[in-house]
Amino acid sequence: MQTSRELLRRMFDAAIAAAQPALRVPAHLPAKPRGRLVVIGAGKASAAMAKAVEDHWHGDLSGFVVTRYGYSIPCQRIEIFEAAHPVPDARSMEGAQRMLAVVRDLSADDLVLCLMSGGASSLLVAPLEGLTLEDKQHVNRALLNSGASIGEMNCVRRHLSAIKGGRLAAACHPAKVVTLLISDVPGDQPSDIGSGPTVADGTTCADALAILKRYAIDLPLHVVEVLASGRGESVKPNDPRLVSNDVRFIATPQMALHAAAAVAKQTGISVHVLGDSIEGEARDVGKVMAAIALHIARHDEPFDAPCILLSGGETTVTVRGQGRGGRNVEFLLSLAIALDGRPGIHALAGDTDGVDGVEEIAGAYLAPDTLARAWAKGINPRESLDENDGHGLFEALGDAIVTGATLTNVNDFRAVLIERR
């Protein structure tokens, strides 16, 4: 008989498997154009998406795709280029420049197939005139530590970029652009996936400035001036260069959660999907989820035990400590403290791309005795939370989950199992 830990891990693996590009890309390939097919893309899943295109496209093609270091898959006709994530490096800027060169001088008979997934905001960096790579690195670090949501972070990024916010699609004109998206953002907003290089943007420079003010993000004056002057305005929905473009979702967090739920249902345990776009501070979401789980354990409402609570989305962490972070392990540590060792409640949380924060660790497993085992090792769980050191605690307990490069990214996965009383 499988353990609770094994069941939760099988569910996590099923969520990842359901979003694999080899499974999702073929059904969404466009019709052949009269002219050339040019494949471009960026993100943690983009190399795997490119390989799926090559394997299923009958005809000539060429292309250039940027992915994260370690996420490359060899292709024959599409060049795979690696760069840094979550903070861009010089190759992120080189990759953006080369991509813009690839789509230069296309005709109306040509078709651009753009493969986008989470991580593209860091992997494609083209600073607006007057800005530098160092400026963009500073902005990224400040946003990552601010507690801003992914939508808010991407709003700022779009208005400081020469490739995001629809500018890449505008550069492809007059060729048609078909964009295949693997969503890693709450609400599946196309303009937030990789900061929307091929998608029109309804937000403004004023919105970006308001976000900087809201989170007291201190940026150099020349960076703020780009927003204040309106020079960073993005490509808007009524722009004629984007009228014929086609945007298609091929994998989403909701789809991945349903795949995980199917695994649990095979065991006879009921599953309740609470939402695929839950946001907020990771530690606050942990407290709320603990309160729901405890109520079920005590009163069999709103659901009868045994059951599993599933959720996705992207929480945030306002970094105040010196620990090794990770929003999923921060959620789990907060959950553990609120549960206070309650018997019969287990949980697993992880990022479906295999990287929680900046660690090559997807997430962790939480057991009823997690706190007791931490104390036995001399680890104070509350101090670990204060230091944003969830990875340190769960790794010391042997409960870290390492998947390696998953080659996809449909955001965070959270499962809480409440056993029968």
Protein backbone atom coordinates (compact mmCIF):
# COMPACT_ATOMS: atom_id res chain seq x y z
CA MET A 1 0.00 0.00 0.00
CA GLN A 2 1.40 3.41 -0.96
CA THR A 3 2.21 5.96 1.70
CA SER A 4 0.80 9.47 1.85
CA ARG A 5 4.16 10.78 0.72
CA GLU A 6 4.19 8.47 -2.30
CA LEU A 7 0.66 9.46 -3.30
CA LEU A 8 1.41 13.18 -3.14
CA ARG A 9 4.60 12.73 -5.15
CA ARG A 10 2.73 10.73 -7.80
CA MET A 11 0.25 13.59 -8.08
CA PHE A 12 3.04 16.15 -8.47
CA ASP A 13 4.69 14.02 -11.15
CA ALA A 14 1.36 13.68 -12.99
CA ALA A 15 0.90 17.46 -13.03
CA ILE A 16 4.34 17.88 -14.59
CA ALA A 17 3.82 15.06 -17.10
CA ALA A 18 0.53 16.51 -18.31
CA ALA A 19 2.23 19.75 -19.34
CA GLN A 20 5.11 18.24 -21.29
CA PRO A 21 5.63 20.02 -24.64
CA ALA A 22 5.94 16.73 -26.54
CA LEU A 23 2.36 16.03 -25.49
CA ARG A 24 0.90 19.52 -25.87
CA VAL A 25 2.56 21.10 -28.93
CA PRO A 26 1.63 18.84 -31.89
CA ALA A 27 -2.13 19.48 -31.81
CA HIS A 28 -1.59 23.24 -31.96
CA LEU A 29 0.78 23.56 -34.91
CA PRO A 30 -0.48 26.06 -37.52
CA ALA A 31 -1.07 25.42 -41.21
CA LYS A 32 1.90 25.77 -43.54
CA PRO A 33 2.53 29.31 -44.77
CA ARG A 34 3.15 30.31 -48.39
CA GLY A 35 6.56 31.56 -47.36
CA ARG A 36 8.99 30.58 -44.60
CA LEU A 37 8.30 29.21 -41.14
CA VAL A 38 10.52 30.93 -38.59
CA VAL A 39 10.44 29.50 -35.05
CA ILE A 40 11.37 31.71 -32.10
CA GLY A 41 10.77 31.35 -28.40
CA ALA A 42 11.94 31.78 -24.85
CA GLY A 43 11.33 30.19 -21.47
CA LYS A 44 12.16 27.13 -19.43
CA ALA A 45 10.03 24.93 -21.69
CA SER A 46 10.98 26.56 -24.98
CA ALA A 47 13.70 24.09 -26.01
CA ALA A 48 11.39 21.13 -25.43
CA MET A 49 8.68 22.98 -27.35
CA ALA A 50 11.11 23.56 -30.23
CA LYS A 51 12.00 19.86 -30.32
CA ALA A 52 8.29 18.98 -30.49
CA VAL A 53 7.86 21.36 -33.43
CA GLU A 54 10.79 19.79 -35.28
CA ASP A 55 9.49 16.29 -34.65
CA HIS A 56 6.02 17.05 -36.03
CA TRP A 57 6.51 19.73 -38.71
CA HIS A 58 6.62 18.43 -42.28
CA GLY A 59 8.50 21.03 -44.27
CA ASP A 60 11.30 23.54 -44.04
CA LEU A 61 11.81 25.66 -40.96
CA SER A 62 14.50 27.61 -39.15
CA GLY A 63 14.62 29.25 -35.78
CA PHE A 64 16.22 30.53 -32.62
CA VAL A 65 15.06 29.80 -29.06
CA VAL A 66 16.41 30.94 -25.68
CA THR A 67 16.10 28.74 -22.60
CA ARG A 68 17.54 28.52 -19.10
CA TYR A 69 20.97 27.06 -18.46
CA GLY A 70 20.58 23.29 -18.17
CA TYR A 71 17.22 23.19 -20.00
CA SER A 72 18.61 22.79 -23.51
CA ILE A 73 17.48 19.96 -25.81
CA PRO A 74 19.40 19.37 -29.06
CA CYS A 75 17.52 20.36 -32.21
CA GLN A 76 18.55 19.98 -35.85
CA ARG A 77 17.16 23.14 -37.45
CA ILE A 78 16.34 25.40 -34.49
CA GLU A 79 19.26 26.89 -32.60
CA ILE A 80 18.93 26.52 -28.83
CA PHE A 81 20.64 29.30 -26.86
CA GLU A 82 21.02 29.31 -23.06
CA ALA A 83 20.88 32.29 -20.69
CA ALA A 84 20.31 33.07 -17.00
CA HIS A 85 17.23 32.92 -14.79
CA PRO A 86 15.86 34.51 -12.58
CA VAL A 87 18.35 37.40 -12.92
CA PRO A 88 19.45 38.03 -16.53
CA ASP A 89 23.05 37.92 -17.70
CA ALA A 90 24.94 39.08 -20.80
CA ARG A 91 23.66 36.11 -22.78
CA SER A 92 20.08 37.16 -21.98
CA MET A 93 20.79 40.41 -23.82
CA GLU A 94 22.66 38.67 -26.64
CA GLY A 95 19.77 36.25 -27.08
CA ALA A 96 17.25 39.09 -27.35
CA GLN A 97 19.37 40.93 -29.92
CA ARG A 98 19.80 37.79 -32.01
CA MET A 99 16.08 37.04 -31.87
CA LEU A 100 15.21 40.51 -33.13
CA ALA A 101 17.70 39.98 -35.96
CA VAL A 102 16.09 36.63 -36.88
CA VAL A 103 12.67 38.25 -37.50
CA ARG A 104 13.99 41.24 -39.41
CA ASP A 105 12.85 41.70 -43.03
CA LEU A 106 10.07 39.09 -43.06
CA SER A 107 7.30 39.19 -45.66
CA ALA A 108 3.53 38.87 -45.39
CA ASP A 109 3.86 35.29 -46.73
CA ASP A 110 6.08 34.25 -43.82
CA LEU A 111 4.87 32.78 -40.54
CA VAL A 112 6.52 33.23 -37.17
CA LEU A 113 5.80 30.50 -34.62
CA CYS A 114 6.61 31.84 -31.16
CA LEU A 115 7.04 29.35 -28.30
CA MET A 116 6.67 31.03 -24.93
CA SER A 117 6.79 29.70 -21.37
CA GLY A 118 7.64 30.94 -17.91
CA GLY A 119 11.11 32.37 -17.38
CA ALA A 120 11.24 34.33 -20.62
CA SER A 121 11.25 37.70 -18.84
CA SER A 122 14.78 37.02 -17.58
CA LEU A 123 15.95 35.09 -20.63
CA LEU A 124 15.12 37.84 -23.14
CA VAL A 125 16.54 41.21 -22.12
CA ALA A 126 16.71 44.17 -24.50
CA PRO A 127 17.03 47.40 -22.50
CA LEU A 128 15.39 50.48 -23.95
CA GLU A 129 17.74 53.18 -25.18
CA GLY A 130 19.45 54.83 -22.22
CA LEU A 131 19.27 51.68 -20.07
CA THR A 132 21.89 48.97 -19.53
CA LEU A 133 21.99 45.29 -18.65
CA GLU A 134 23.06 46.32 -15.16
CA ASP A 135 19.93 48.46 -14.89
CA LYS A 136 17.74 45.51 -15.88
CA GLN A 137 19.53 43.21 -13.42
CA HIS A 138 18.98 45.75 -10.64
CA VAL A 139 15.29 46.05 -11.54
CA ASN A 140 14.84 42.26 -11.55
CA ARG A 141 16.49 41.80 -8.15
CA ALA A 142 14.44 44.63 -6.64
CA LEU A 143 11.19 43.23 -8.01
CA LEU A 144 11.95 39.66 -6.87
CA ASN A 145 12.56 40.83 -3.30
CA SER A 146 9.67 43.32 -3.13
CA GLY A 147 6.68 41.04 -2.61
CA ALA A 148 5.08 42.27 -5.84
CA SER A 149 2.92 39.78 -7.75
CA ILE A 150 4.13 38.28 -11.01
CA GLY A 151 1.67 40.47 -12.91
CA GLU A 152 3.00 43.59 -11.24
CA MET A 153 6.62 42.59 -11.84
CA ASN A 154 5.94 41.95 -15.51
CA CYS A 155 4.15 45.27 -15.90
CA VAL A 156 7.34 47.05 -14.86
CA ARG A 157 9.51 44.82 -17.06
CA ARG A 158 7.35 45.43 -20.15
CA HIS A 159 7.84 49.18 -19.91
CA LEU A 160 11.62 49.04 -19.67
CA SER A 161 12.15 46.67 -22.59
CA ALA A 162 12.73 46.90 -26.33
CA ILE A 163 11.39 43.35 -26.89
CA LYS A 164 8.63 42.75 -24.34
CA GLY A 165 5.10 44.18 -24.29
CA GLY A 166 4.33 43.29 -27.91
CA ARG A 167 7.51 44.76 -29.36
CA LEU A 168 8.79 41.42 -30.68
CA ALA A 169 5.53 40.86 -32.58
CA ALA A 170 5.74 44.38 -33.99
CA ALA A 171 9.26 43.59 -35.20
CA CYS A 172 7.89 40.53 -37.06
CA HIS A 173 5.40 42.62 -39.07
CA PRO A 174 4.16 42.08 -41.79
CA ALA A 175 4.58 38.34 -41.12
CA LYS A 176 1.81 36.65 -39.15
CA VAL A 177 2.72 35.51 -35.64
CA VAL A 178 1.24 32.42 -33.97
CA THR A 179 2.17 32.20 -30.29
CA LEU A 180 1.93 28.93 -28.35
CA LEU A 181 1.84 29.53 -24.60
CA ILE A 182 2.56 27.30 -21.64
CA SER A 183 1.11 29.36 -18.81
CA ASP A 184 2.86 29.82 -15.49
CA VAL A 185 0.89 32.86 -14.33
CA PRO A 186 -2.27 33.21 -12.21
CA GLY A 187 -5.25 33.90 -14.41
CA ASP A 188 -3.42 32.86 -17.61
CA GLN A 189 -2.94 36.42 -18.83
CA PRO A 190 -1.01 36.22 -22.14
CA SER A 191 0.77 39.54 -21.55
CA ASP A 192 2.23 38.18 -18.30
CA ILE A 193 3.82 35.05 -19.77
CA GLY A 194 7.40 36.13 -20.38
CA SER A 195 6.12 39.73 -20.14
CA GLY A 196 4.29 39.26 -23.44
CA PRO A 197 6.86 39.82 -26.23
CA THR A 198 4.29 38.95 -28.91
CA VAL A 199 1.14 40.08 -27.09
CA ALA A 200 -0.43 43.53 -27.00
CA ASP A 201 -0.28 45.23 -23.60
CA GLY A 202 -3.14 47.13 -22.00
CA THR A 203 -1.07 48.51 -19.10
CA THR A 204 0.82 51.80 -19.15
CA CYS A 205 3.97 53.47 -17.90
CA ALA A 206 1.80 55.13 -15.25
CA ASP A 207 0.78 51.68 -14.01
CA ALA A 208 4.44 50.66 -13.76
CA LEU A 209 5.27 53.80 -11.78
CA ALA A 210 2.39 53.11 -9.39
CA ILE A 211 3.79 49.62 -8.73
CA LEU A 212 7.22 51.02 -7.88
CA LYS A 213 5.57 53.43 -5.45
CA ARG A 214 3.30 50.76 -3.95
CA TYR A 215 6.22 48.53 -2.97
CA ALA A 216 8.69 51.35 -2.26
CA ILE A 217 11.04 49.99 -4.94
CA ASP A 218 14.00 52.35 -5.20
CA LEU A 219 15.41 52.52 -8.74
CA PRO A 220 17.98 54.88 -10.28
CA LEU A 221 16.54 58.18 -11.50
CA HIS A 222 17.36 57.51 -15.15
CA VAL A 223 15.35 54.26 -14.97
CA VAL A 224 12.36 56.01 -13.41
CA GLU A 225 12.63 58.72 -16.08
CA VAL A 226 11.93 56.17 -18.82
CA LEU A 227 8.56 55.50 -17.18
CA ALA A 228 7.79 59.07 -16.15
CA SER A 229 8.45 60.40 -19.67
CA GLY A 230 6.34 57.72 -21.34
CA ARG A 231 9.31 56.54 -23.45
CA GLY A 232 8.71 53.01 -22.22
CA GLU A 233 5.15 52.74 -23.52
CA SER A 234 4.39 49.28 -24.86
CA VAL A 235 2.47 48.11 -27.96
CA LYS A 236 -1.27 48.50 -27.41
CA PRO A 237 -4.19 46.20 -28.38
CA ASN A 238 -5.31 48.39 -31.31
CA ASP A 239 -1.88 48.41 -32.97
CA PRO A 240 -2.34 47.35 -36.66
CA ARG A 241 0.95 45.40 -36.60
CA LEU A 242 -0.61 42.84 -34.25
CA VAL A 243 -4.12 42.55 -35.75
CA SER A 244 -3.61 39.18 -37.49
CA ASN A 245 -1.67 37.53 -34.68
CA ASP A 246 -2.94 34.30 -33.08
CA VAL A 247 -2.35 33.39 -29.42
CA ARG A 248 -3.02 29.83 -28.21
CA PHE A 249 -2.73 28.29 -24.75
CA ILE A 250 -1.43 24.73 -24.96
CA ALA A 251 -0.90 24.01 -21.25
CA THR A 252 -2.22 25.71 -18.10
CA PRO A 253 -2.04 25.25 -14.33
CA GLN A 254 -5.69 24.14 -14.21
CA MET A 255 -5.02 21.35 -16.68
CA ALA A 256 -2.07 20.14 -14.59
CA LEU A 257 -4.13 20.18 -11.38
CA HIS A 258 -6.82 18.06 -13.02
CA ALA A 259 -4.19 15.51 -14.06
CA ALA A 260 -3.00 15.34 -10.44
CA ALA A 261 -6.57 15.01 -9.17
CA ALA A 262 -7.14 12.02 -11.44
CA VAL A 263 -4.29 10.17 -9.73
CA ALA A 264 -5.80 10.67 -6.28
CA LYS A 265 -9.31 9.76 -7.40
CA GLN A 266 -8.02 6.37 -8.54
CA THR A 267 -7.32 5.61 -4.86
CA GLY A 268 -10.85 6.58 -3.83
CA ILE A 269 -9.82 9.80 -2.09
CA SER A 270 -11.91 12.85 -2.94
CA VAL A 271 -10.07 15.86 -4.37
CA HIS A 272 -11.08 19.50 -4.19
CA VAL A 273 -9.40 22.06 -6.46
CA LEU A 274 -9.46 25.34 -4.55
CA GLY A 275 -8.09 27.41 -7.42
CA ASP A 276 -5.31 27.62 -9.97
CA SER A 277 -4.43 31.27 -9.41
CA ILE A 278 -3.97 31.74 -5.66
CA GLU A 279 -1.63 34.62 -4.90
CA GLY A 280 -0.42 36.49 -1.83
CA GLU A 281 2.42 36.12 0.64
CA ALA A 282 3.42 32.46 0.80
CA ARG A 283 3.36 32.40 4.59
CA ASP A 284 -0.14 33.91 4.65
CA VAL A 285 -1.44 31.34 2.16
CA GLY A 286 0.11 28.65 4.38
CA LYS A 287 -1.83 29.91 7.41
CA VAL A 288 -5.12 29.98 5.52
CA MET A 289 -4.61 26.49 4.10
CA ALA A 290 -3.78 25.19 7.57
CA ALA A 291 -6.99 26.67 8.98
CA ILE A 292 -9.06 24.95 6.27
CA ALA A 293 -7.28 21.61 6.78
CA LEU A 294 -7.73 21.76 10.55
CA HIS A 295 -11.43 22.52 10.21
CA ILE A 296 -11.88 19.51 7.94
CA ALA A 297 -9.94 17.30 10.35
CA ARG A 298 -12.05 18.41 13.32
CA HIS A 299 -15.51 18.79 11.80
CA ASP A 300 -15.64 17.11 8.37
CA GLU A 301 -16.66 20.37 6.77
CA PRO A 302 -16.71 21.85 4.22
CA PHE A 303 -15.44 18.45 3.01
CA ASP A 304 -15.36 14.99 4.55
CA ALA A 305 -12.00 13.42 5.33
CA PRO A 306 -10.11 11.77 3.81
CA CYS A 307 -9.64 14.35 1.10
CA ILE A 308 -7.00 16.32 -0.73
CA LEU A 309 -6.98 20.08 -1.21
CA LEU A 310 -5.28 21.08 -4.46
CA SER A 311 -4.26 24.57 -5.50
CA GLY A 312 -1.96 26.39 -7.87
CA GLY A 313 -0.89 29.91 -8.60
CA GLU A 314 2.14 31.93 -7.67
CA THR A 315 2.65 33.22 -4.16
CA THR A 316 5.25 35.80 -3.26
CA VAL A 317 7.93 36.13 -0.63
CA THR A 318 8.98 39.47 0.80
CA VAL A 319 12.61 38.70 1.58
CA ARG A 320 13.68 39.88 5.02
CA GLY A 321 16.08 37.15 6.10
CA GLN A 322 19.30 35.64 4.80
CA GLY A 323 17.99 32.12 4.14
CA ARG A 324 17.68 30.13 0.94
CA GLY A 325 14.09 31.12 0.26
CA GLY A 326 11.67 29.51 -2.16
CA ARG A 327 7.98 30.41 -2.14
CA ASN A 328 6.82 26.77 -1.98
CA VAL A 329 8.97 25.85 0.98
CA GLU A 330 8.00 29.12 2.66
CA PHE A 331 4.36 28.11 2.21
CA LEU A 332 5.05 24.65 3.65
CA LEU A 333 6.97 25.95 6.65
CA SER A 334 4.20 28.40 7.49
CA LEU A 335 1.66 25.60 7.03
CA ALA A 336 3.63 23.32 9.37
CA ILE A 337 3.84 25.93 12.11
CA ALA A 338 0.09 26.61 11.90
CA LEU A 339 -0.75 22.88 11.92
CA ASP A 340 1.48 22.43 14.98
CA GLY A 341 2.02 18.71 14.44
CA ARG A 342 -1.63 17.82 13.93
CA PRO A 343 -1.75 14.06 13.17
CA GLY A 344 -3.00 12.88 9.80
CA ILE A 345 -2.21 15.97 7.72
CA HIS A 346 0.43 15.77 5.00
CA ALA A 347 1.36 18.20 2.23
CA LEU A 348 3.57 18.65 -0.79
CA ALA A 349 4.33 21.89 -2.60
CA GLY A 350 6.63 22.47 -5.52
CA ASP A 351 7.29 24.49 -8.63
CA THR A 352 6.51 22.48 -11.76
CA ASP A 353 9.64 23.83 -13.45
CA GLY A 354 11.81 22.08 -10.84
CA VAL A 355 13.21 25.30 -9.35
CA ASP A 356 11.73 26.88 -6.22
CA GLY A 357 13.24 30.34 -5.91
CA VAL A 358 16.84 30.13 -7.09
CA GLU A 359 17.50 26.62 -5.79
CA GLU A 360 17.70 23.54 -8.02
CA ILE A 361 15.07 22.07 -5.71
CA ALA A 362 11.42 21.86 -6.77
CA GLY A 363 9.86 22.00 -3.30
CA ALA A 364 9.36 19.73 -0.30
CA TYR A 365 7.17 17.25 1.54
CA LEU A 366 5.53 18.04 4.89
CA ALA A 367 4.62 15.33 7.42
CA PRO A 368 2.82 15.53 10.77
CA ASP A 369 6.17 15.08 12.53
CA THR A 370 8.07 17.71 10.53
CA LEU A 371 8.27 20.20 13.41
CA ALA A 372 9.32 17.53 15.91
CA ARG A 373 12.09 16.28 13.65
CA ALA A 374 13.30 19.83 13.07
CA TRP A 375 13.50 20.52 16.80
CA ALA A 376 15.33 17.22 17.30
CA LYS A 377 18.01 18.46 14.89
CA GLY A 378 18.33 21.75 16.72
CA ILE A 379 16.42 23.71 14.06
CA ASN A 380 13.92 26.31 15.25
CA PRO A 381 11.12 26.35 12.62
CA ARG A 382 9.98 29.89 13.45
CA GLU A 383 13.53 31.18 13.14
CA SER A 384 13.83 29.39 9.79
CA LEU A 385 10.65 31.12 8.61
CA ASP A 386 11.89 34.50 9.85
CA GLU A 387 15.09 33.94 7.87
CA ASN A 388 13.20 32.79 4.73
CA ASP A 389 15.10 29.52 5.02
CA GLY A 390 12.56 26.86 4.09
CA HIS A 391 15.04 25.09 1.85
CA GLY A 392 17.53 24.81 4.69
CA LEU A 393 14.99 23.20 7.02
CA PHE A 394 13.45 20.70 4.59
CA GLU A 395 16.79 19.71 3.12
CA ALA A 396 18.14 18.99 6.61
CA LEU A 397 15.16 16.70 7.22
CA GLY A 398 15.62 14.84 3.93
CA ASP A 399 12.25 16.09 2.70
CA ALA A 400 13.39 18.29 -0.19
CA ILE A 401 12.04 17.27 -3.61
CA VAL A 402 14.51 17.38 -6.49
CA THR A 403 13.15 16.71 -9.97
CA GLY A 404 15.89 18.12 -12.19
CA ALA A 405 14.93 20.16 -15.24
CA THR A 406 11.27 19.28 -15.90
CA LEU A 407 11.25 21.04 -19.31
CA THR A 408 7.89 22.63 -18.60
CA ASN A 409 6.44 25.27 -16.29
CA VAL A 410 2.79 25.54 -15.23
CA ASN A 411 3.41 27.34 -11.97
CA ASP A 412 3.20 26.07 -8.41
CA PHE A 413 1.56 22.88 -7.20
CA ARG A 414 0.19 22.56 -3.66
CA ALA A 415 -1.54 19.47 -2.25
CA VAL A 416 -2.74 18.99 1.34
CA LEU A 417 -3.92 15.52 2.36
CA ILE A 418 -6.25 15.23 5.36
CA GLU A 419 -6.57 11.64 6.46
CA ARG A 420 -9.65 10.11 8.11
CA ARG A 421 -9.89 10.79 11.84
